[in-house]
Amino acid sequence: MRQVVALGLWLSVAILWAGCQTKPPQVKEYDRPLPAGQLALRKITDPNQIPDFAPGWRDLDGLKTALRNSLDYLNKPSSAQYFPYGDINRDLAVKTLGTFLAIADSGARTDEINGLIRSTFDVYESVGCDDKGTVLFTGYYTPIFGGSLERTTQFRYPLYRTPDNLVKGPDGQARGRRGVDGGITPYPPRAVIEDSGMLKGQELVWLDDPFKAYIAHVQGSAKIRLMSGQIITVGYAANNGHEYQSIAKMLIDEGRIPSDRMSLGAMIDYFSKHPNEVDKYVRRNPRFVFFQLGVGTPRGSLNEPVLPWRTIATDKTIFPRACLAYLSTTLPQTTLNDDIAKKPYGGFALDQDTGGAIRAAGRCDIYMGEGDQAGRLAGQTYQEGRLYYLFLKQ
């Protein structure tokens, strides 16, 4: 997962600031579950409803890398268990990505892409949270923190490995804890895990701040800069099976931070001034994430590298894994003088990750990259838009 990772990543797998920014005047139920038997995607039959894809025909090298990552996943036998998706089988998903990759390699111009897509692909749209296509886009990223592989007086807040008694199903989701008698019971929530010390000896890496450790849980991965200067990656491995609860929403509801000022930075600032409140809020989120050491770029729930702006996290129980999507929304973007401004955005992305807080057809999480700047962008991403998918005409 975001699990980046998801994770996300979460982060997503899931996201720390889900629900944080100022909401539209008419608050929508973005996490509204689909009616039984309904798919998240609906084929567009009216050509006038197909979006303009030209704004997304840029940074093709990054797009081609993401396409190859998805093809790598789909070519693994294990991916077959998640298809068919409606009338979309795995073979069609593979041919779709291969054909789109060939178009990207062909040198097709921006003024040609709309005609090529309309003649080659069927376009589907997420039904969204309201059956009218409304999707809430949020962001996630990979933080970079100082840390240690051993506990010290400075670094004393651990991230943990997956315990041996955690039982996972074939889709990687936690089923529970295996007891000495072989029976399986629900895995304890965060507060019980932390109070009991039941994970002693499973520490993977140590951080210098409890809220940083929590950020890693929500984002699903982190890069850790050791005292030697070496940077290691810790990525999502599993979770305890409990549903994610947003502490950002708790802080807003209890008047700690105004909704129009909520961001990751605002939460970090709040808890730096009120360190005695970290446990109070963090433990109200029962979801607990376990980590593993990785190398290089963090990976998403498909075990493929996540790429900035090219990887999205969705609810993998209702969206097709690894498939090609197109986003149409407004997103914060870096300006020439390094400020951040919200601008209309259209871009192709691959559905390669899962977010712990990303549920239902009305949610989509965009991976923004690594480090503080990516964190600033992710923290300001909270915008409605449309989410499309492309599949080769049958």
Protein backbone atom coordinates (compact mmCIF):
# COMPACT_ATOMS: atom_id res chain seq x y z
CA MET A 1 0.00 0.00 0.00
CA ARG A 2 0.95 3.57 0.00
CA GLN A 3 1.46 1.91 1.12
CA VAL A 4 3.81 3.56 -0.62
CA VAL A 5 3.22 3.20 -0.39
CA ALA A 6 -0.73 3.16 0.52
CA LEU A 7 1.73 4.01 1.03
CA GLY A 8 1.34 4.47 -0.51
CA LEU A 9 2.62 4.34 0.03
CA TRP A 10 -0.52 4.52 3.05
CA LEU A 11 -0.50 5.86 2.47
CA SER A 12 -2.18 6.19 -0.48
CA VAL A 13 -1.36 4.25 1.58
CA ALA A 14 -2.95 6.72 3.26
CA ILE A 15 -2.95 10.36 3.60
CA LEU A 16 -2.18 12.46 6.56
CA TRP A 17 -4.15 15.51 5.62
CA ALA A 18 -7.19 13.86 4.03
CA GLY A 19 -9.99 16.30 4.65
CA CYS A 20 -7.61 19.06 5.68
CA GLN A 21 -8.07 21.92 3.26
CA THR A 22 -11.09 24.18 2.96
CA LYS A 23 -13.96 22.15 1.58
CA PRO A 24 -16.30 23.30 -1.19
CA PRO A 25 -19.42 25.07 0.10
CA GLN A 26 -21.49 21.93 -0.46
CA VAL A 27 -19.65 19.22 1.43
CA LYS A 28 -19.77 15.94 -0.44
CA GLU A 29 -19.42 12.44 0.91
CA TYR A 30 -16.22 11.62 -0.99
CA ASP A 31 -15.91 8.24 0.71
CA ARG A 32 -19.43 7.15 -0.21
CA PRO A 33 -19.29 3.42 -0.97
CA LEU A 34 -20.53 2.13 -4.30
CA PRO A 35 -23.86 0.32 -4.44
CA ALA A 36 -23.41 -3.45 -4.43
CA GLY A 37 -22.29 -4.75 -7.80
CA GLN A 38 -21.53 -1.33 -9.33
CA LEU A 39 -18.16 -0.70 -10.97
CA ALA A 40 -16.18 2.46 -10.25
CA LEU A 41 -15.69 3.12 -13.98
CA ARG A 42 -18.30 3.95 -16.58
CA LYS A 43 -17.60 3.94 -20.31
CA ILE A 44 -18.12 7.31 -22.00
CA THR A 45 -20.42 6.99 -25.01
CA ASP A 46 -20.93 10.70 -25.76
CA PRO A 47 -17.83 12.03 -27.59
CA ASN A 48 -18.55 15.48 -26.17
CA GLN A 49 -17.82 14.14 -22.68
CA ILE A 50 -14.30 12.99 -23.56
CA PRO A 51 -11.70 15.39 -22.09
CA ASP A 52 -8.92 17.26 -23.87
CA PHE A 53 -5.79 15.13 -23.46
CA ALA A 54 -3.36 17.64 -24.99
CA PRO A 55 -2.36 19.27 -21.65
CA GLY A 56 -1.07 15.89 -20.48
CA TRP A 57 1.24 15.28 -23.46
CA ARG A 58 4.46 16.37 -21.72
CA ASP A 59 7.36 14.82 -19.77
CA LEU A 60 7.00 11.72 -21.91
CA ASP A 61 10.16 10.11 -20.52
CA GLY A 62 8.61 9.96 -17.06
CA LEU A 63 5.33 8.71 -18.52
CA LYS A 64 7.08 5.96 -20.47
CA THR A 65 8.93 4.82 -17.33
CA ALA A 66 5.64 4.59 -15.44
CA LEU A 67 4.07 2.65 -18.32
CA ARG A 68 6.93 0.14 -18.28
CA ASN A 69 6.58 -0.27 -14.52
CA SER A 70 2.90 -1.12 -14.92
CA LEU A 71 3.67 -3.55 -17.74
CA ASP A 72 6.24 -5.21 -15.50
CA TYR A 73 3.54 -5.75 -12.89
CA LEU A 74 0.87 -6.95 -15.32
CA ASN A 75 3.25 -9.45 -16.88
CA LYS A 76 3.64 -11.20 -13.51
CA PRO A 77 1.34 -14.23 -13.12
CA SER A 78 0.17 -12.96 -9.72
CA SER A 79 -1.59 -9.98 -11.34
CA ALA A 80 -4.07 -12.29 -13.08
CA GLN A 81 -6.10 -12.73 -9.88
CA TYR A 82 -7.32 -9.12 -10.09
CA PHE A 83 -8.83 -9.45 -13.57
CA PRO A 84 -11.22 -9.35 -15.30
CA TYR A 85 -12.41 -5.94 -14.24
CA GLY A 86 -15.86 -5.76 -15.75
CA ASP A 87 -15.23 -6.45 -19.44
CA ILE A 88 -11.52 -5.56 -19.11
CA ASN A 89 -9.26 -8.63 -18.94
CA ARG A 90 -5.56 -8.63 -18.18
CA ASP A 91 -4.61 -9.18 -21.83
CA LEU A 92 -6.50 -6.04 -22.82
CA ALA A 93 -4.84 -4.07 -20.01
CA VAL A 94 -1.39 -5.18 -21.24
CA LYS A 95 -2.22 -4.35 -24.88
CA THR A 96 -3.55 -0.96 -23.82
CA LEU A 97 -0.31 0.02 -22.09
CA GLY A 98 1.82 -1.41 -24.89
CA THR A 99 -0.10 0.54 -27.53
CA PHE A 100 0.05 3.77 -25.54
CA LEU A 101 3.78 3.28 -24.98
CA ALA A 102 4.24 2.88 -28.74
CA ILE A 103 2.38 6.16 -29.30
CA ALA A 104 4.62 7.88 -26.75
CA ASP A 105 7.67 6.47 -28.55
CA SER A 106 6.38 7.49 -31.97
CA GLY A 107 7.04 11.19 -31.66
CA ALA A 108 3.35 12.06 -31.83
CA ARG A 109 2.77 15.79 -31.45
CA THR A 110 0.52 17.49 -28.92
CA ASP A 111 -1.91 18.51 -31.65
CA GLU A 112 -2.23 14.86 -32.72
CA ILE A 113 -2.81 13.17 -29.38
CA ASN A 114 -6.56 13.78 -29.08
CA GLY A 115 -7.24 12.22 -32.47
CA LEU A 116 -4.96 9.26 -31.74
CA ILE A 117 -6.62 8.55 -28.41
CA ARG A 118 -10.18 8.89 -29.69
CA SER A 119 -9.52 6.56 -32.61
CA THR A 120 -7.57 3.96 -30.61
CA PHE A 121 -8.97 3.88 -27.08
CA ASP A 122 -12.26 3.75 -25.25
CA VAL A 123 -12.45 6.33 -22.45
CA TYR A 124 -13.95 5.46 -19.07
CA GLU A 125 -14.69 7.85 -16.21
CA SER A 126 -14.89 7.28 -12.47
CA VAL A 127 -18.48 7.55 -11.29
CA GLY A 128 -17.07 9.57 -8.40
CA CYS A 129 -18.67 10.20 -5.06
CA ASP A 130 -21.99 11.33 -6.49
CA ASP A 131 -22.44 9.14 -9.60
CA LYS A 132 -21.70 12.31 -11.57
CA GLY A 133 -17.92 11.92 -11.80
CA THR A 134 -16.82 14.10 -8.87
CA VAL A 135 -13.48 12.88 -7.47
CA LEU A 136 -11.50 14.45 -4.63
CA PHE A 137 -7.77 14.59 -5.40
CA THR A 138 -5.28 14.66 -2.54
CA GLY A 139 -1.50 14.24 -2.41
CA TYR A 140 1.14 12.16 -0.68
CA TYR A 141 4.94 12.09 -0.66
CA THR A 142 8.07 10.49 0.78
CA PRO A 143 9.50 12.45 3.72
CA ILE A 144 13.24 12.54 4.47
CA PHE A 145 14.09 12.31 8.18
CA GLY A 146 17.22 11.93 10.27
CA GLY A 147 17.44 8.58 12.02
CA SER A 148 19.51 5.75 13.41
CA LEU A 149 19.62 1.97 13.10
CA GLU A 150 20.16 1.79 16.86
CA ARG A 151 18.38 3.53 19.71
CA THR A 152 20.19 6.57 21.11
CA THR A 153 19.25 9.37 23.48
CA GLN A 154 18.27 11.43 20.41
CA PHE A 155 16.68 8.74 18.25
CA ARG A 156 14.21 6.81 20.38
CA TYR A 157 10.96 6.55 18.37
CA PRO A 158 10.94 3.36 16.31
CA LEU A 159 9.45 2.15 13.06
CA TYR A 160 8.84 -1.60 13.22
CA ARG A 161 9.29 -4.65 11.02
CA THR A 162 6.34 -6.93 10.29
CA PRO A 163 5.86 -9.33 13.23
CA ASP A 164 5.98 -13.04 12.49
CA ASN A 165 2.50 -13.63 13.89
CA LEU A 166 0.76 -11.22 11.48
CA VAL A 167 -1.38 -13.22 9.04
CA LYS A 168 -2.01 -11.71 5.60
CA GLY A 169 -4.43 -12.80 2.91
CA PRO A 170 -3.55 -13.36 -0.75
CA ASP A 171 -4.15 -9.67 -1.52
CA GLY A 172 -1.72 -8.61 1.21
CA GLN A 173 -4.38 -7.33 3.60
CA ALA A 174 -4.02 -8.20 7.27
CA ARG A 175 -6.27 -11.01 8.45
CA GLY A 176 -5.19 -10.91 12.08
CA ARG A 177 -2.75 -12.34 14.61
CA ARG A 178 -1.99 -16.04 14.84
CA GLY A 179 -2.01 -17.37 18.37
CA VAL A 180 -0.01 -20.24 19.86
CA ASP A 181 -3.00 -22.52 19.25
CA GLY A 182 -2.99 -21.63 15.55
CA GLY A 183 -6.17 -19.58 15.77
CA ILE A 184 -6.43 -16.12 14.23
CA THR A 185 -7.74 -13.13 16.16
CA PRO A 186 -7.90 -9.42 15.16
CA TYR A 187 -4.56 -7.67 15.47
CA PRO A 188 -4.54 -5.07 18.27
CA PRO A 189 -5.02 -1.36 17.46
CA ARG A 190 -2.25 1.21 17.66
CA ALA A 191 -2.73 2.16 21.32
CA VAL A 192 -2.54 -1.45 22.50
CA ILE A 193 0.52 -2.14 20.34
CA GLU A 194 2.38 0.86 21.74
CA ASP A 195 1.31 0.43 25.38
CA SER A 196 2.04 -3.30 25.55
CA GLY A 197 5.56 -3.20 24.09
CA MET A 198 4.58 -6.32 22.14
CA LEU A 199 6.86 -5.37 19.23
CA LYS A 200 10.06 -5.05 21.26
CA GLY A 201 12.91 -6.50 19.24
CA GLN A 202 11.18 -5.74 15.92
CA GLU A 203 12.55 -2.19 15.64
CA LEU A 204 13.78 -1.39 12.13
CA VAL A 205 14.96 2.21 12.51
CA TRP A 206 14.70 4.97 15.10
CA LEU A 207 13.58 8.59 14.60
CA ASP A 208 13.96 11.64 16.82
CA ASP A 209 10.32 12.70 16.97
CA PRO A 210 7.09 10.74 17.55
CA PHE A 211 5.10 12.76 15.04
CA LYS A 212 7.71 12.13 12.35
CA ALA A 213 7.25 8.42 12.98
CA TYR A 214 3.52 8.91 12.54
CA ILE A 215 4.04 10.80 9.27
CA ALA A 216 5.98 7.80 7.98
CA HIS A 217 3.03 5.58 8.93
CA VAL A 218 0.58 7.73 7.01
CA GLN A 219 2.75 8.31 3.95
CA GLY A 220 3.69 4.63 3.86
CA SER A 221 7.41 5.20 3.35
CA ALA A 222 10.29 7.48 4.28
CA LYS A 223 13.93 8.05 3.52
CA ILE A 224 16.18 8.08 6.56
CA ARG A 225 19.46 10.00 6.66
CA LEU A 226 21.80 8.20 9.07
CA MET A 227 24.53 9.95 11.07
CA SER A 228 27.10 8.63 8.60
CA GLY A 229 25.34 10.53 5.80
CA GLN A 230 24.00 7.35 4.22
CA ILE A 231 20.35 7.52 3.16
CA ILE A 232 18.23 4.40 3.42
CA THR A 233 14.63 3.79 2.35
CA VAL A 234 11.98 2.29 4.59
CA GLY A 235 8.88 1.18 2.74
CA TYR A 236 5.47 -0.16 3.57
CA ALA A 237 5.33 -3.86 4.39
CA ALA A 238 1.95 -4.43 6.08
CA ASN A 239 -0.58 -2.98 8.50
CA ASN A 240 -2.60 -4.26 11.45
CA GLY A 241 -5.89 -4.36 9.53
CA HIS A 242 -7.63 -1.46 11.27
CA GLU A 243 -9.27 1.39 9.36
CA TYR A 244 -7.41 4.68 9.09
CA GLN A 245 -8.76 7.63 11.08
CA SER A 246 -7.60 11.14 10.14
CA ILE A 247 -6.12 13.10 13.03
CA ALA A 248 -6.19 16.19 10.81
CA LYS A 249 -9.97 15.98 10.90
CA MET A 250 -9.84 15.52 14.67
CA LEU A 251 -7.73 18.66 15.06
CA ILE A 252 -10.18 20.64 12.94
CA ASP A 253 -13.26 19.27 14.67
CA GLU A 254 -11.82 20.11 18.08
CA GLY A 255 -10.80 23.62 17.09
CA ARG A 256 -7.05 23.08 17.33
CA ILE A 257 -6.34 24.19 13.76
CA PRO A 258 -8.79 26.10 11.49
CA SER A 259 -9.82 24.15 8.41
CA ASP A 260 -8.61 26.92 6.07
CA ARG A 261 -5.11 26.72 7.62
CA MET A 262 -4.82 22.96 7.87
CA SER A 263 -1.78 21.43 6.21
CA LEU A 264 0.99 19.03 7.09
CA GLY A 265 3.18 21.99 8.04
CA ALA A 266 0.47 23.35 10.34
CA MET A 267 0.21 19.99 12.09
CA ILE A 268 3.97 19.70 12.53
CA ASP A 269 4.05 23.21 13.97
CA TYR A 270 1.12 22.46 16.30
CA PHE A 271 2.67 19.30 17.73
CA SER A 272 6.08 20.94 18.11
CA LYS A 273 4.36 23.45 20.41
CA HIS A 274 2.19 20.80 22.09
CA PRO A 275 4.39 17.68 22.22
CA ASN A 276 2.36 16.25 25.08
CA GLU A 277 -0.65 15.97 22.74
CA VAL A 278 1.00 13.78 20.08
CA ASP A 279 0.07 10.49 21.72
CA LYS A 280 -3.43 11.72 22.52
CA TYR A 281 -4.25 12.23 18.85
CA VAL A 282 -2.04 9.66 17.16
CA ARG A 283 -3.43 6.81 19.24
CA ARG A 284 -6.95 7.65 18.15
CA ASN A 285 -5.98 6.34 14.72
CA PRO A 286 -6.01 2.55 15.29
CA ARG A 287 -4.19 1.75 12.05
CA PHE A 288 -0.54 0.76 12.52
CA VAL A 289 1.96 0.30 9.69
CA PHE A 290 4.94 -2.06 9.55
CA PHE A 291 8.01 -1.34 7.40
CA GLN A 292 10.81 -3.00 5.52
CA LEU A 293 14.18 -1.77 4.30
CA GLY A 294 14.29 -0.89 0.62
CA VAL A 295 16.72 0.43 -1.93
CA GLY A 296 16.33 3.60 -3.98
CA THR A 297 12.88 4.80 -5.00
CA PRO A 298 9.98 3.82 -2.72
CA ARG A 299 7.54 1.29 -4.14
CA GLY A 300 3.79 1.23 -4.22
CA SER A 301 1.34 -1.53 -3.41
CA LEU A 302 2.14 -3.23 -6.74
CA ASN A 303 5.80 -3.43 -5.66
CA GLU A 304 6.75 -1.11 -8.51
CA PRO A 305 8.56 2.23 -8.09
CA VAL A 306 6.33 5.24 -7.52
CA LEU A 307 7.03 8.26 -9.72
CA PRO A 308 6.16 11.91 -8.97
CA TRP A 309 2.94 12.97 -10.74
CA ARG A 310 2.85 9.64 -12.62
CA THR A 311 1.69 7.33 -9.80
CA ILE A 312 -1.75 7.51 -8.25
CA ALA A 313 -3.23 5.62 -5.31
CA THR A 314 -6.85 4.47 -5.47
CA ASP A 315 -9.10 1.96 -3.79
CA LYS A 316 -7.83 -1.26 -5.36
CA THR A 317 -11.02 -3.11 -4.47
CA ILE A 318 -12.91 -1.08 -7.10
CA PHE A 319 -10.31 0.31 -9.55
CA PRO A 320 -8.18 -1.71 -12.04
CA ARG A 321 -4.57 -2.15 -10.97
CA ALA A 322 -1.68 -0.75 -12.99
CA CYS A 323 -3.95 0.75 -15.64
CA LEU A 324 -3.62 4.06 -17.49
CA ALA A 325 -5.49 7.06 -16.10
CA TYR A 326 -5.89 10.72 -16.92
CA LEU A 327 -6.41 13.40 -14.25
CA SER A 328 -8.28 16.64 -14.83
CA THR A 329 -8.28 18.95 -11.83
CA THR A 330 -6.51 21.93 -10.20
CA LEU A 331 -3.26 21.27 -8.35
CA PRO A 332 -0.57 23.26 -6.51
CA GLN A 333 2.48 23.62 -8.71
CA THR A 334 5.90 25.18 -8.19
CA THR A 335 6.45 28.52 -9.92
CA LEU A 336 9.70 29.87 -11.36
CA ASN A 337 10.52 31.76 -8.14
CA ASP A 338 9.88 28.60 -6.07
CA ASP A 339 6.49 29.71 -4.81
CA ILE A 340 3.45 27.46 -5.03
CA ALA A 341 0.38 28.39 -7.06
CA LYS A 342 -2.73 26.39 -7.84
CA LYS A 343 -3.24 25.90 -11.57
CA PRO A 344 -5.43 23.76 -13.84
CA TYR A 345 -3.81 20.38 -14.34
CA GLY A 346 -4.25 17.60 -16.87
CA GLY A 347 -1.90 14.63 -16.79
CA PHE A 348 -1.54 10.92 -17.49
CA ALA A 349 -0.78 8.63 -14.56
CA LEU A 350 -0.68 4.94 -13.74
CA ASP A 351 -2.82 3.40 -11.01
CA GLN A 352 0.05 1.77 -9.08
CA ASP A 353 -0.60 2.34 -5.39
CA THR A 354 -3.11 2.05 -2.56
CA GLY A 355 -3.86 4.50 0.24
CA GLY A 356 -4.99 3.56 3.70
CA ALA A 357 -7.34 6.56 3.70
CA ILE A 358 -8.22 6.28 0.02
CA ARG A 359 -11.55 4.51 -0.18
CA ALA A 360 -14.41 4.58 -2.70
CA ALA A 361 -14.78 5.90 -6.23
CA GLY A 362 -14.65 9.52 -5.11
CA ARG A 363 -11.01 9.53 -3.95
CA CYS A 364 -7.63 9.63 -5.69
CA ASP A 365 -4.19 10.29 -4.17
CA ILE A 366 -1.33 11.67 -6.29
CA TYR A 367 2.29 10.91 -5.46
CA MET A 368 4.23 14.22 -5.35
CA GLY A 369 7.81 13.02 -4.83
CA GLU A 370 10.40 13.16 -2.03
CA GLY A 371 11.42 15.77 0.52
CA ASP A 372 10.07 19.02 1.92
CA GLN A 373 9.02 20.62 -1.37
CA ALA A 374 6.99 17.57 -2.30
CA GLY A 375 5.50 17.69 1.18
CA ARG A 376 4.43 21.30 0.63
CA LEU A 377 2.72 20.36 -2.62
CA ALA A 378 1.04 17.30 -1.13
CA GLY A 379 -0.13 19.26 1.89
CA GLN A 380 -1.91 21.78 -0.33
CA THR A 381 -3.55 19.24 -2.64
CA TYR A 382 -7.27 19.06 -1.92
CA GLN A 383 -9.35 19.62 -5.03
CA GLU A 384 -12.27 18.13 -6.89
CA GLY A 385 -11.79 16.97 -10.46
CA ARG A 386 -12.36 14.12 -12.91
CA LEU A 387 -10.59 10.79 -13.20
CA TYR A 388 -10.51 8.93 -16.54
CA TYR A 389 -9.10 5.58 -17.69
CA LEU A 390 -8.12 4.46 -21.19
CA PHE A 391 -8.52 0.96 -22.66
CA LEU A 392 -7.80 -0.22 -26.16
CA LYS A 393 -10.90 -0.45 -28.33
CA GLN A 394 -12.05 -4.05 -28.54
